[in-house]
C-alpha atoms as a PDB file:
ATOM      1  CA  MET A   1      16.818 -11.245 -15.895  1.00  0.00           C
ATOM      2  CA  THR A   2      17.811  -7.620 -15.878  1.00  0.00           C
ATOM      3  CA  THR A   3      16.157  -4.529 -17.221  1.00  0.00           C
ATOM      4  CA  ASN A   4      17.609  -1.082 -17.831  1.00  0.00           C
ATOM      5  CA  VAL A   5      16.251   2.262 -16.698  1.00  0.00           C
ATOM      6  CA  SER A   6      14.534   2.961 -20.013  1.00  0.00           C
ATOM      7  CA  ALA A   7      12.798  -0.412 -19.887  1.00  0.00           C
ATOM      8  CA  GLN A   8      11.659   0.301 -16.351  1.00  0.00           C
ATOM      9  CA  SER A   9      10.294   3.724 -17.303  1.00  0.00           C
ATOM     10  CA  SER A  10       8.311   2.176 -20.147  1.00  0.00           C
ATOM     11  CA  LEU A  11       6.286   0.015 -17.774  1.00  0.00           C
ATOM     12  CA  ASP A  12       2.648   1.021 -17.372  1.00  0.00           C
ATOM     13  CA  LEU A  13       2.671   0.617 -13.602  1.00  0.00           C
ATOM     14  CA  ALA A  14      -0.965   1.645 -13.139  1.00  0.00           C
ATOM     15  CA  ALA A  15      -2.183  -1.030 -15.559  1.00  0.00           C
ATOM     16  CA  ILE A  16       0.216  -3.609 -14.132  1.00  0.00           C
ATOM     17  CA  THR A  17      -1.052  -2.899 -10.621  1.00  0.00           C
ATOM     18  CA  ARG A  18      -4.661  -3.383 -11.688  1.00  0.00           C
ATOM     19  CA  ASP A  19      -3.715  -6.749 -13.158  1.00  0.00           C
ATOM     20  CA  ILE A  20      -1.851  -7.709  -9.980  1.00  0.00           C
ATOM     21  CA  CYS A  21      -5.017  -7.009  -7.971  1.00  0.00           C
ATOM     22  CA  THR A  22      -6.958  -9.439 -10.152  1.00  0.00           C
ATOM     23  CA  ILE A  23      -4.272 -12.099  -9.828  1.00  0.00           C
ATOM     24  CA  ALA A  24      -3.980 -11.635  -6.054  1.00  0.00           C
ATOM     25  CA  THR A  25      -7.758 -11.783  -5.633  1.00  0.00           C
ATOM     26  CA  ASP A  26      -7.930 -15.082  -7.493  1.00  0.00           C
ATOM     27  CA  ALA A  27      -5.124 -16.465  -5.320  1.00  0.00           C
ATOM     28  CA  GLY A  28      -6.964 -15.318  -2.210  1.00  0.00           C
ATOM     29  CA  GLU A  29     -10.118 -17.121  -3.311  1.00  0.00           C
ATOM     30  CA  PHE A  30      -8.050 -20.290  -3.718  1.00  0.00           C
ATOM     31  CA  LEU A  31      -6.730 -19.872  -0.158  1.00  0.00           C
ATOM     32  CA  LEU A  32     -10.266 -19.572   1.198  1.00  0.00           C
ATOM     33  CA  GLN A  33     -11.327 -22.694  -0.690  1.00  0.00           C
ATOM     34  CA  GLU A  34      -8.394 -24.624   0.744  1.00  0.00           C
ATOM     35  CA  ARG A  35      -9.085 -23.253   4.211  1.00  0.00           C
ATOM     36  CA  SER A  36     -12.661 -24.536   4.052  1.00  0.00           C
ATOM     37  CA  LYS A  37     -11.291 -28.068   3.522  1.00  0.00           C
ATOM     38  CA  PHE A  38      -8.887 -27.853   6.435  1.00  0.00           C
ATOM     39  CA  GLN A  39      -9.723 -30.196   9.321  1.00  0.00           C
ATOM     40  CA  ARG A  40      -7.997 -29.433  12.615  1.00  0.00           C
ATOM     41  CA  GLU A  41      -8.573 -32.947  13.918  1.00  0.00           C
ATOM     42  CA  ALA A  42      -6.751 -34.319  10.863  1.00  0.00           C
ATOM     43  CA  ILE A  43      -3.507 -32.501  11.554  1.00  0.00           C
ATOM     44  CA  GLU A  44      -2.002 -35.286  13.587  1.00  0.00           C
ATOM     45  CA  TYR A  45      -2.651 -37.870  10.886  1.00  0.00           C
ATOM     46  CA  LYS A  46      -2.113 -35.950   7.649  1.00  0.00           C
ATOM     47  CA  GLY A  47       0.888 -33.948   8.780  1.00  0.00           C
ATOM     48  CA  LEU A  48       0.790 -30.254   9.482  1.00  0.00           C
ATOM     49  CA  ASN A  49       3.751 -29.286   7.311  1.00  0.00           C
ATOM     50  CA  ASN A  50       2.568 -31.225   4.286  1.00  0.00           C
ATOM     51  CA  LEU A  51      -0.791 -29.502   4.165  1.00  0.00           C
ATOM     52  CA  VAL A  52       0.531 -26.016   4.629  1.00  0.00           C
ATOM     53  CA  SER A  53       3.360 -26.709   2.218  1.00  0.00           C
ATOM     54  CA  TYR A  54       0.815 -27.777  -0.403  1.00  0.00           C
ATOM     55  CA  VAL A  55      -1.290 -24.661   0.029  1.00  0.00           C
ATOM     56  CA  ASP A  56       1.713 -22.312  -0.014  1.00  0.00           C
ATOM     57  CA  LYS A  57       3.412 -23.969  -2.956  1.00  0.00           C
ATOM     58  CA  GLU A  58       0.291 -24.469  -5.047  1.00  0.00           C
ATOM     59  CA  THR A  59      -0.721 -20.833  -4.571  1.00  0.00           C
ATOM     60  CA  GLU A  60       2.788 -19.696  -5.422  1.00  0.00           C
ATOM     61  CA  LYS A  61       2.844 -21.807  -8.589  1.00  0.00           C
ATOM     62  CA  GLN A  62      -0.403 -20.206  -9.733  1.00  0.00           C
ATOM     63  CA  LEU A  63       1.014 -16.749  -9.062  1.00  0.00           C
ATOM     64  CA  VAL A  64       4.250 -17.468 -10.914  1.00  0.00           C
ATOM     65  CA  VAL A  65       2.397 -18.641 -14.023  1.00  0.00           C
ATOM     66  CA  ARG A  66       0.147 -15.605 -14.213  1.00  0.00           C
ATOM     67  CA  LEU A  67       2.783 -13.044 -13.268  1.00  0.00           C
ATOM     68  CA  SER A  68       5.140 -14.521 -15.869  1.00  0.00           C
ATOM     69  CA  GLN A  69       2.458 -13.942 -18.476  1.00  0.00           C
ATOM     70  CA  LEU A  70       1.954 -10.390 -17.253  1.00  0.00           C
ATOM     71  CA  LEU A  71       5.646  -9.429 -17.284  1.00  0.00           C
ATOM     72  CA  PRO A  72       7.838 -12.103 -18.899  1.00  0.00           C
ATOM     73  CA  GLN A  73      11.079 -10.136 -18.432  1.00  0.00           C
ATOM     74  CA  ALA A  74      10.837 -10.106 -14.625  1.00  0.00           C
ATOM     75  CA  GLY A  75      12.475 -12.663 -12.364  1.00  0.00           C
ATOM     76  CA  PHE A  76      11.113 -14.042  -9.100  1.00  0.00           C
ATOM     77  CA  ILE A  77      12.030 -13.823  -5.439  1.00  0.00           C
ATOM     78  CA  THR A  78       9.570 -16.073  -3.629  1.00  0.00           C
ATOM     79  CA  GLU A  79       9.085 -17.590  -0.202  1.00  0.00           C
ATOM     80  CA  GLU A  80       8.656 -21.162  -1.404  1.00  0.00           C
ATOM     81  CA  GLY A  81      11.183 -21.091  -4.235  1.00  0.00           C
ATOM     82  CA  THR A  82       8.928 -22.995  -6.625  1.00  0.00           C
ATOM     83  CA  THR A  83      10.570 -21.484  -9.728  1.00  0.00           C
ATOM     84  CA  GLY A  84      13.800 -23.372  -9.037  1.00  0.00           C
ATOM     85  CA  GLN A  85      15.810 -20.391 -10.298  1.00  0.00           C
ATOM     86  CA  GLU A  86      18.273 -18.088  -8.569  1.00  0.00           C
ATOM     87  CA  ALA A  87      17.042 -14.506  -8.856  1.00  0.00           C
ATOM     88  CA  ASP A  88      19.321 -11.536  -9.443  1.00  0.00           C
ATOM     89  CA  PRO A  89      18.403  -9.151  -6.583  1.00  0.00           C
ATOM     90  CA  THR A  90      19.556  -6.139  -8.624  1.00  0.00           C
ATOM     91  CA  ALA A  91      17.181  -6.922 -11.501  1.00  0.00           C
ATOM     92  CA  LEU A  92      13.474  -6.468 -12.121  1.00  0.00           C
ATOM     93  CA  ASN A  93      11.769  -9.037  -9.897  1.00  0.00           C
ATOM     94  CA  TRP A  94       8.415 -10.137  -8.640  1.00  0.00           C
ATOM     95  CA  ILE A  95       8.723 -10.540  -4.861  1.00  0.00           C
ATOM     96  CA  ILE A  96       5.852 -12.658  -3.593  1.00  0.00           C
ATOM     97  CA  ASP A  97       4.486 -14.320  -0.500  1.00  0.00           C
ATOM     98  CA  PRO A  98       1.555 -16.543  -1.487  1.00  0.00           C
ATOM     99  CA  LEU A  99       0.321 -16.920   2.100  1.00  0.00           C
ATOM    100  CA  ASP A 100       1.498 -14.379   4.647  1.00  0.00           C
ATOM    101  CA  GLY A 101       0.143 -15.513   7.997  1.00  0.00           C
ATOM    102  CA  THR A 102       0.509 -19.282   7.797  1.00  0.00           C
ATOM    103  CA  ALA A 103       0.038 -19.896  11.532  1.00  0.00           C
ATOM    104  CA  ASN A 104      -3.207 -17.925  11.436  1.00  0.00           C
ATOM    105  CA  PHE A 105      -4.336 -19.958   8.419  1.00  0.00           C
ATOM    106  CA  ILE A 106      -3.690 -23.217  10.287  1.00  0.00           C
ATOM    107  CA  HIS A 107      -5.655 -22.106  13.343  1.00  0.00           C
ATOM    108  CA  ASP A 108      -8.548 -20.638  11.339  1.00  0.00           C
ATOM    109  CA  LEU A 109      -7.698 -17.125  12.481  1.00  0.00           C
ATOM    110  CA  PRO A 110      -8.910 -14.975   9.583  1.00  0.00           C
ATOM    111  CA  VAL A 111      -5.832 -12.781   9.266  1.00  0.00           C
ATOM    112  CA  PHE A 112      -3.687 -13.817   6.313  1.00  0.00           C
ATOM    113  CA  SER A 113      -2.925 -12.347   2.931  1.00  0.00           C
ATOM    114  CA  VAL A 114      -1.422 -12.603  -0.521  1.00  0.00           C
ATOM    115  CA  SER A 115       1.487 -10.202  -1.027  1.00  0.00           C
ATOM    116  CA  ILE A 116       2.857  -9.361  -4.479  1.00  0.00           C
ATOM    117  CA  GLY A 117       5.541  -6.761  -5.085  1.00  0.00           C
ATOM    118  CA  LEU A 118       7.393  -5.692  -8.208  1.00  0.00           C
ATOM    119  CA  ALA A 119      10.811  -4.150  -7.631  1.00  0.00           C
ATOM    120  CA  GLN A 120      13.787  -2.944  -9.614  1.00  0.00           C
ATOM    121  CA  GLY A 121      16.627  -3.986  -7.342  1.00  0.00           C
ATOM    122  CA  SER A 122      15.696  -2.631  -3.924  1.00  0.00           C
ATOM    123  CA  THR A 123      13.276  -0.042  -5.337  1.00  0.00           C
ATOM    124  CA  PRO A 124       9.608  -1.118  -5.151  1.00  0.00           C
ATOM    125  CA  LEU A 125       7.643  -0.211  -8.272  1.00  0.00           C
ATOM    126  CA  ALA A 126       4.238  -1.780  -7.628  1.00  0.00           C
ATOM    127  CA  GLY A 127       2.651  -3.669  -4.784  1.00  0.00           C
ATOM    128  CA  VAL A 128      -0.562  -5.418  -3.823  1.00  0.00           C
ATOM    129  CA  VAL A 129      -1.674  -6.914  -0.520  1.00  0.00           C
ATOM    130  CA  TYR A 130      -4.943  -8.820  -0.733  1.00  0.00           C
ATOM    131  CA  ASP A 131      -6.851  -9.838   2.389  1.00  0.00           C
ATOM    132  CA  PRO A 132      -9.330 -12.507   1.251  1.00  0.00           C
ATOM    133  CA  ASN A 133     -11.186 -12.611   4.561  1.00  0.00           C
ATOM    134  CA  ARG A 134     -12.189  -8.945   4.334  1.00  0.00           C
ATOM    135  CA  ASP A 135     -12.066  -8.806   0.526  1.00  0.00           C
ATOM    136  CA  GLU A 136      -9.731  -5.814   0.665  1.00  0.00           C
ATOM    137  CA  CYS A 137      -7.195  -5.249  -2.077  1.00  0.00           C
ATOM    138  CA  PHE A 138      -4.547  -2.712  -1.089  1.00  0.00           C
ATOM    139  CA  SER A 139      -2.541  -1.478  -4.059  1.00  0.00           C
ATOM    140  CA  ALA A 140       0.095   1.079  -4.965  1.00  0.00           C
ATOM    141  CA  TRP A 141       2.528   1.930  -7.714  1.00  0.00           C
ATOM    142  CA  LYS A 142       5.507   4.249  -7.669  1.00  0.00           C
ATOM    143  CA  GLY A 143       4.318   7.831  -7.938  1.00  0.00           C
ATOM    144  CA  GLY A 144       0.678   6.800  -8.241  1.00  0.00           C
ATOM    145  CA  GLY A 145      -0.589   6.811  -4.661  1.00  0.00           C
ATOM    146  CA  ALA A 146      -2.054   4.010  -2.557  1.00  0.00           C
ATOM    147  CA  TYR A 147      -5.555   2.541  -2.683  1.00  0.00           C
ATOM    148  CA  CYS A 148      -7.914   0.091  -1.008  1.00  0.00           C
ATOM    149  CA  ASN A 149     -10.467  -1.411  -3.391  1.00  0.00           C
ATOM    150  CA  GLY A 150      -9.897   1.529  -5.706  1.00  0.00           C
ATOM    151  CA  THR A 151     -10.362   4.253  -3.085  1.00  0.00           C
ATOM    152  CA  LYS A 152      -7.326   6.380  -2.311  1.00  0.00           C
ATOM    153  CA  ILE A 153      -5.902   5.921   1.182  1.00  0.00           C
ATOM    154  CA  SER A 154      -3.457   7.805   3.369  1.00  0.00           C
ATOM    155  CA  VAL A 155      -1.592   7.235   6.587  1.00  0.00           C
ATOM    156  CA  SER A 156      -2.903   8.421   9.931  1.00  0.00           C
ATOM    157  CA  PRO A 157      -2.629  12.148  10.664  1.00  0.00           C
ATOM    158  CA  ALA A 158      -1.071  11.325  14.041  1.00  0.00           C
ATOM    159  CA  THR A 159       2.313  12.938  14.619  1.00  0.00           C
ATOM    160  CA  GLN A 160       2.944  11.916  18.229  1.00  0.00           C
ATOM    161  CA  LEU A 161       3.876   8.542  19.667  1.00  0.00           C
ATOM    162  CA  GLY A 162       1.387   9.134  22.477  1.00  0.00           C
ATOM    163  CA  GLU A 163      -1.583   9.057  20.080  1.00  0.00           C
ATOM    164  CA  SER A 164      -0.511   5.931  18.247  1.00  0.00           C
ATOM    165  CA  LEU A 165      -1.633   2.314  17.923  1.00  0.00           C
ATOM    166  CA  ILE A 166       1.374   0.310  16.782  1.00  0.00           C
ATOM    167  CA  ALA A 167       1.734  -3.116  15.191  1.00  0.00           C
ATOM    168  CA  THR A 168       4.734  -5.391  15.525  1.00  0.00           C
ATOM    169  CA  GLY A 169       5.782  -9.008  15.243  1.00  0.00           C
ATOM    170  CA  PHE A 170       7.369 -11.251  17.845  1.00  0.00           C
ATOM    171  CA  PRO A 171      10.662 -13.081  17.248  1.00  0.00           C
ATOM    172  CA  TYR A 172       9.890 -16.705  16.520  1.00  0.00           C
ATOM    173  CA  TYR A 173      13.070 -18.233  15.142  1.00  0.00           C
ATOM    174  CA  THR A 174      15.912 -15.891  16.148  1.00  0.00           C
ATOM    175  CA  PHE A 175      15.932 -15.123  19.843  1.00  0.00           C
ATOM    176  CA  ASP A 176      19.359 -13.575  20.430  1.00  0.00           C
ATOM    177  CA  LYS A 177      17.889 -10.063  20.449  1.00  0.00           C
ATOM    178  CA  MET A 178      14.829 -10.961  22.497  1.00  0.00           C
ATOM    179  CA  PRO A 179      15.919  -8.992  25.620  1.00  0.00           C
ATOM    180  CA  LYS A 180      16.266  -5.794  23.572  1.00  0.00           C
ATOM    181  CA  TYR A 181      12.958  -6.440  21.840  1.00  0.00           C
ATOM    182  CA  LEU A 182      11.171  -6.883  25.152  1.00  0.00           C
ATOM    183  CA  GLN A 183      12.672  -3.628  26.398  1.00  0.00           C
ATOM    184  CA  ILE A 184      11.273  -1.866  23.347  1.00  0.00           C
ATOM    185  CA  LEU A 185       7.856  -3.450  23.921  1.00  0.00           C
ATOM    186  CA  GLU A 186       7.785  -2.347  27.544  1.00  0.00           C
ATOM    187  CA  SER A 187       8.803   1.183  26.634  1.00  0.00           C
ATOM    188  CA  LEU A 188       6.207   1.535  23.879  1.00  0.00           C
ATOM    189  CA  MET A 189       3.432   0.074  26.022  1.00  0.00           C
ATOM    190  CA  LYS A 190       3.967   2.990  28.383  1.00  0.00           C
ATOM    191  CA  GLN A 191       3.991   5.621  25.631  1.00  0.00           C
ATOM    192  CA  THR A 192       1.257   4.601  23.174  1.00  0.00           C
ATOM    193  CA  HIS A 193      -2.398   3.641  22.903  1.00  0.00           C
ATOM    194  CA  GLY A 194      -1.243   0.043  22.600  1.00  0.00           C
ATOM    195  CA  LEU A 195       0.547  -2.586  20.555  1.00  0.00           C
ATOM    196  CA  ARG A 196      -0.930  -5.274  18.324  1.00  0.00           C
ATOM    197  CA  ARG A 197       0.437  -8.447  16.737  1.00  0.00           C
ATOM    198  CA  LEU A 198      -1.784  -9.646  13.883  1.00  0.00           C
ATOM    199  CA  GLY A 199       0.554 -12.265  12.429  1.00  0.00           C
ATOM    200  CA  SER A 200       0.778 -10.972   8.856  1.00  0.00           C
ATOM    201  CA  ALA A 201       3.388  -8.286   8.233  1.00  0.00           C
ATOM    202  CA  ALA A 202       1.835  -7.519   4.855  1.00  0.00           C
ATOM    203  CA  ILE A 203      -1.522  -6.726   6.465  1.00  0.00           C
ATOM    204  CA  ASP A 204       0.192  -4.732   9.219  1.00  0.00           C
ATOM    205  CA  LEU A 205       1.831  -2.526   6.600  1.00  0.00           C
ATOM    206  CA  ALA A 206      -1.412  -2.189   4.643  1.00  0.00           C
ATOM    207  CA  TYR A 207      -3.134  -1.062   7.822  1.00  0.00           C
ATOM    208  CA  VAL A 208      -0.452   1.569   8.369  1.00  0.00           C
ATOM    209  CA  ALA A 209      -1.049   2.779   4.826  1.00  0.00           C
ATOM    210  CA  CYS A 210      -4.781   3.252   5.422  1.00  0.00           C
ATOM    211  CA  GLY A 211      -4.418   4.745   8.911  1.00  0.00           C
ATOM    212  CA  ARG A 212      -5.700   1.870  11.051  1.00  0.00           C
ATOM    213  CA  PHE A 213      -2.257   1.608  12.625  1.00  0.00           C
ATOM    214  CA  GLU A 214       0.044   4.565  13.079  1.00  0.00           C
ATOM    215  CA  ALA A 215       3.134   2.405  12.619  1.00  0.00           C
ATOM    216  CA  PHE A 216       4.615  -1.062  12.247  1.00  0.00           C
ATOM    217  CA  TYR A 217       8.065  -2.307  13.160  1.00  0.00           C
ATOM    218  CA  GLU A 218       9.766  -5.691  13.057  1.00  0.00           C
ATOM    219  CA  TYR A 219      13.145  -7.284  12.452  1.00  0.00           C
ATOM    220  CA  ASN A 220      14.192 -10.529  10.736  1.00  0.00           C
ATOM    221  CA  LEU A 221      11.611 -10.151   8.005  1.00  0.00           C
ATOM    222  CA  HIS A 222      12.154 -11.312   4.435  1.00  0.00           C
ATOM    223  CA  SER A 223      11.767  -9.211   1.324  1.00  0.00           C
ATOM    224  CA  TRP A 224       8.546 -11.034   0.385  1.00  0.00           C
ATOM    225  CA  ASP A 225       7.007 -10.063   3.736  1.00  0.00           C
ATOM    226  CA  MET A 226       7.292  -6.352   3.003  1.00  0.00           C
ATOM    227  CA  ALA A 227       7.973  -5.648  -0.683  1.00  0.00           C
ATOM    228  CA  ALA A 228       4.363  -4.686  -1.373  1.00  0.00           C
ATOM    229  CA  GLY A 229       3.599  -3.214   2.038  1.00  0.00           C
ATOM    230  CA  VAL A 230       6.447  -0.717   2.247  1.00  0.00           C
ATOM    231  CA  LEU A 231       5.398   0.790  -1.075  1.00  0.00           C
ATOM    232  CA  LEU A 232       1.821   1.066   0.185  1.00  0.00           C
ATOM    233  CA  VAL A 233       3.010   3.073   3.185  1.00  0.00           C
ATOM    234  CA  HIS A 234       5.318   5.282   1.137  1.00  0.00           C
ATOM    235  CA  GLU A 235       2.669   6.068  -1.477  1.00  0.00           C
ATOM    236  CA  ALA A 236       0.119   6.730   1.277  1.00  0.00           C
ATOM    237  CA  GLY A 237       2.351   9.511   2.595  1.00  0.00           C
ATOM    238  CA  GLY A 238       4.212   7.573   5.264  1.00  0.00           C
ATOM    239  CA  ILE A 239       7.847   7.182   6.236  1.00  0.00           C
ATOM    240  CA  VAL A 240       9.753   3.898   5.923  1.00  0.00           C
ATOM    241  CA  THR A 241      13.270   3.205   7.223  1.00  0.00           C
ATOM    242  CA  ASP A 242      15.353   0.396   8.619  1.00  0.00           C
ATOM    243  CA  PHE A 243      16.275   0.388  12.320  1.00  0.00           C
ATOM    244  CA  ASP A 244      19.287   2.612  11.558  1.00  0.00           C
ATOM    245  CA  GLY A 245      17.124   5.206   9.848  1.00  0.00           C
ATOM    246  CA  GLY A 246      18.352   4.222   6.379  1.00  0.00           C
ATOM    247  CA  ASP A 247      16.696   2.725   3.326  1.00  0.00           C
ATOM    248  CA  ALA A 248      18.208  -0.787   3.312  1.00  0.00           C
ATOM    249  CA  PHE A 249      15.082  -2.371   4.805  1.00  0.00           C
ATOM    250  CA  LEU A 250      13.932  -4.497   1.855  1.00  0.00           C
ATOM    251  CA  PHE A 251      16.789  -6.988   1.880  1.00  0.00           C
ATOM    252  CA  ARG A 252      18.183  -6.279   5.364  1.00  0.00           C
ATOM    253  CA  GLY A 253      14.975  -7.351   7.052  1.00  0.00           C
ATOM    254  CA  ASP A 254      14.293  -4.716   9.713  1.00  0.00           C
ATOM    255  CA  VAL A 255      11.713  -2.040   9.063  1.00  0.00           C
ATOM    256  CA  ILE A 256       9.920   0.835  10.778  1.00  0.00           C
ATOM    257  CA  ALA A 257       7.003   2.198   8.760  1.00  0.00           C
ATOM    258  CA  GLY A 258       4.654   4.872   9.979  1.00  0.00           C
ATOM    259  CA  SER A 259       2.881   8.174   9.735  1.00  0.00           C
ATOM    260  CA  GLY A 260       4.406  11.476  10.796  1.00  0.00           C
ATOM    261  CA  MET A 261       5.240  10.012  14.193  1.00  0.00           C
ATOM    262  CA  GLN A 262       7.712   7.542  12.642  1.00  0.00           C
ATOM    263  CA  PRO A 263      10.845   9.556  13.546  1.00  0.00           C
ATOM    264  CA  GLU A 264       9.789   9.538  17.202  1.00  0.00           C
ATOM    265  CA  LEU A 265       9.213   5.780  17.057  1.00  0.00           C
ATOM    266  CA  LEU A 266      12.587   5.287  15.377  1.00  0.00           C
ATOM    267  CA  LYS A 267      14.267   7.210  18.188  1.00  0.00           C
ATOM    268  CA  ALA A 268      12.427   5.159  20.830  1.00  0.00           C
ATOM    269  CA  ILE A 269      13.526   1.900  19.204  1.00  0.00           C
ATOM    270  CA  GLN A 270      17.128   3.021  18.748  1.00  0.00           C
ATOM    271  CA  GLU A 271      17.376   3.780  22.459  1.00  0.00           C
ATOM    272  CA  TYR A 272      17.434   0.031  23.110  1.00  0.00           C
ATOM    273  CA  TRP A 273      18.470  -1.442  19.755  1.00  0.00           C
ATOM    274  CA  GLN A 274      21.902   0.166  19.350  1.00  0.00           C
END
């Protein structure tokens, strides 16, 4: 479904964001309940993909029902595609990942999240990343700032690459650019306080927004991996671009988000990526 500019401006984004936090928190509690039932020794017999597919899809179904009630005019762009409908990417859409960090979930590594974004086309309007393991709800809406559990947050004051701790993700299904990516890793290891790979892009971006990381970069992401997180960073005072320095990151899939040192990181990445 589509919405015009006047309809968009009539949205109470602050109230919507508060409701998204409640919905995401409930979904996170469901994930923890399912995780408590997970038996590693049963993987071989029950089937790894079936279990994870059930958790992802069931969580997504719950989100779709409640978000549809919250904003009936919005469409859906989702990881699992449980709505069975083709979304118009130029319209008002919920962009959701019910379980960001599936591999961590499987291995009982407590780093996974629920990510819910609301966007008009490629413009994020509201976003929530909920980490059920730490009970942290990161939220933001356009023009309203960014928050963690209701407390306003901001990006790190760091302005130099040399004082930065940076998060990234490793290629895991497209390896044609691996040599370039490894060159970037080697270069940044020599110029920063270190690099981290948590396994949930949504949490990585939330941590940039609250200053735990100075920056995050990755390529081959999907819109549901970052729709909420990029708004968090922007509203927390950060800079977000694609690898070319433009603003096509949401649907192109490559993103560099950071504090005031982001332009220096962008330059360092472009040295090898071009």
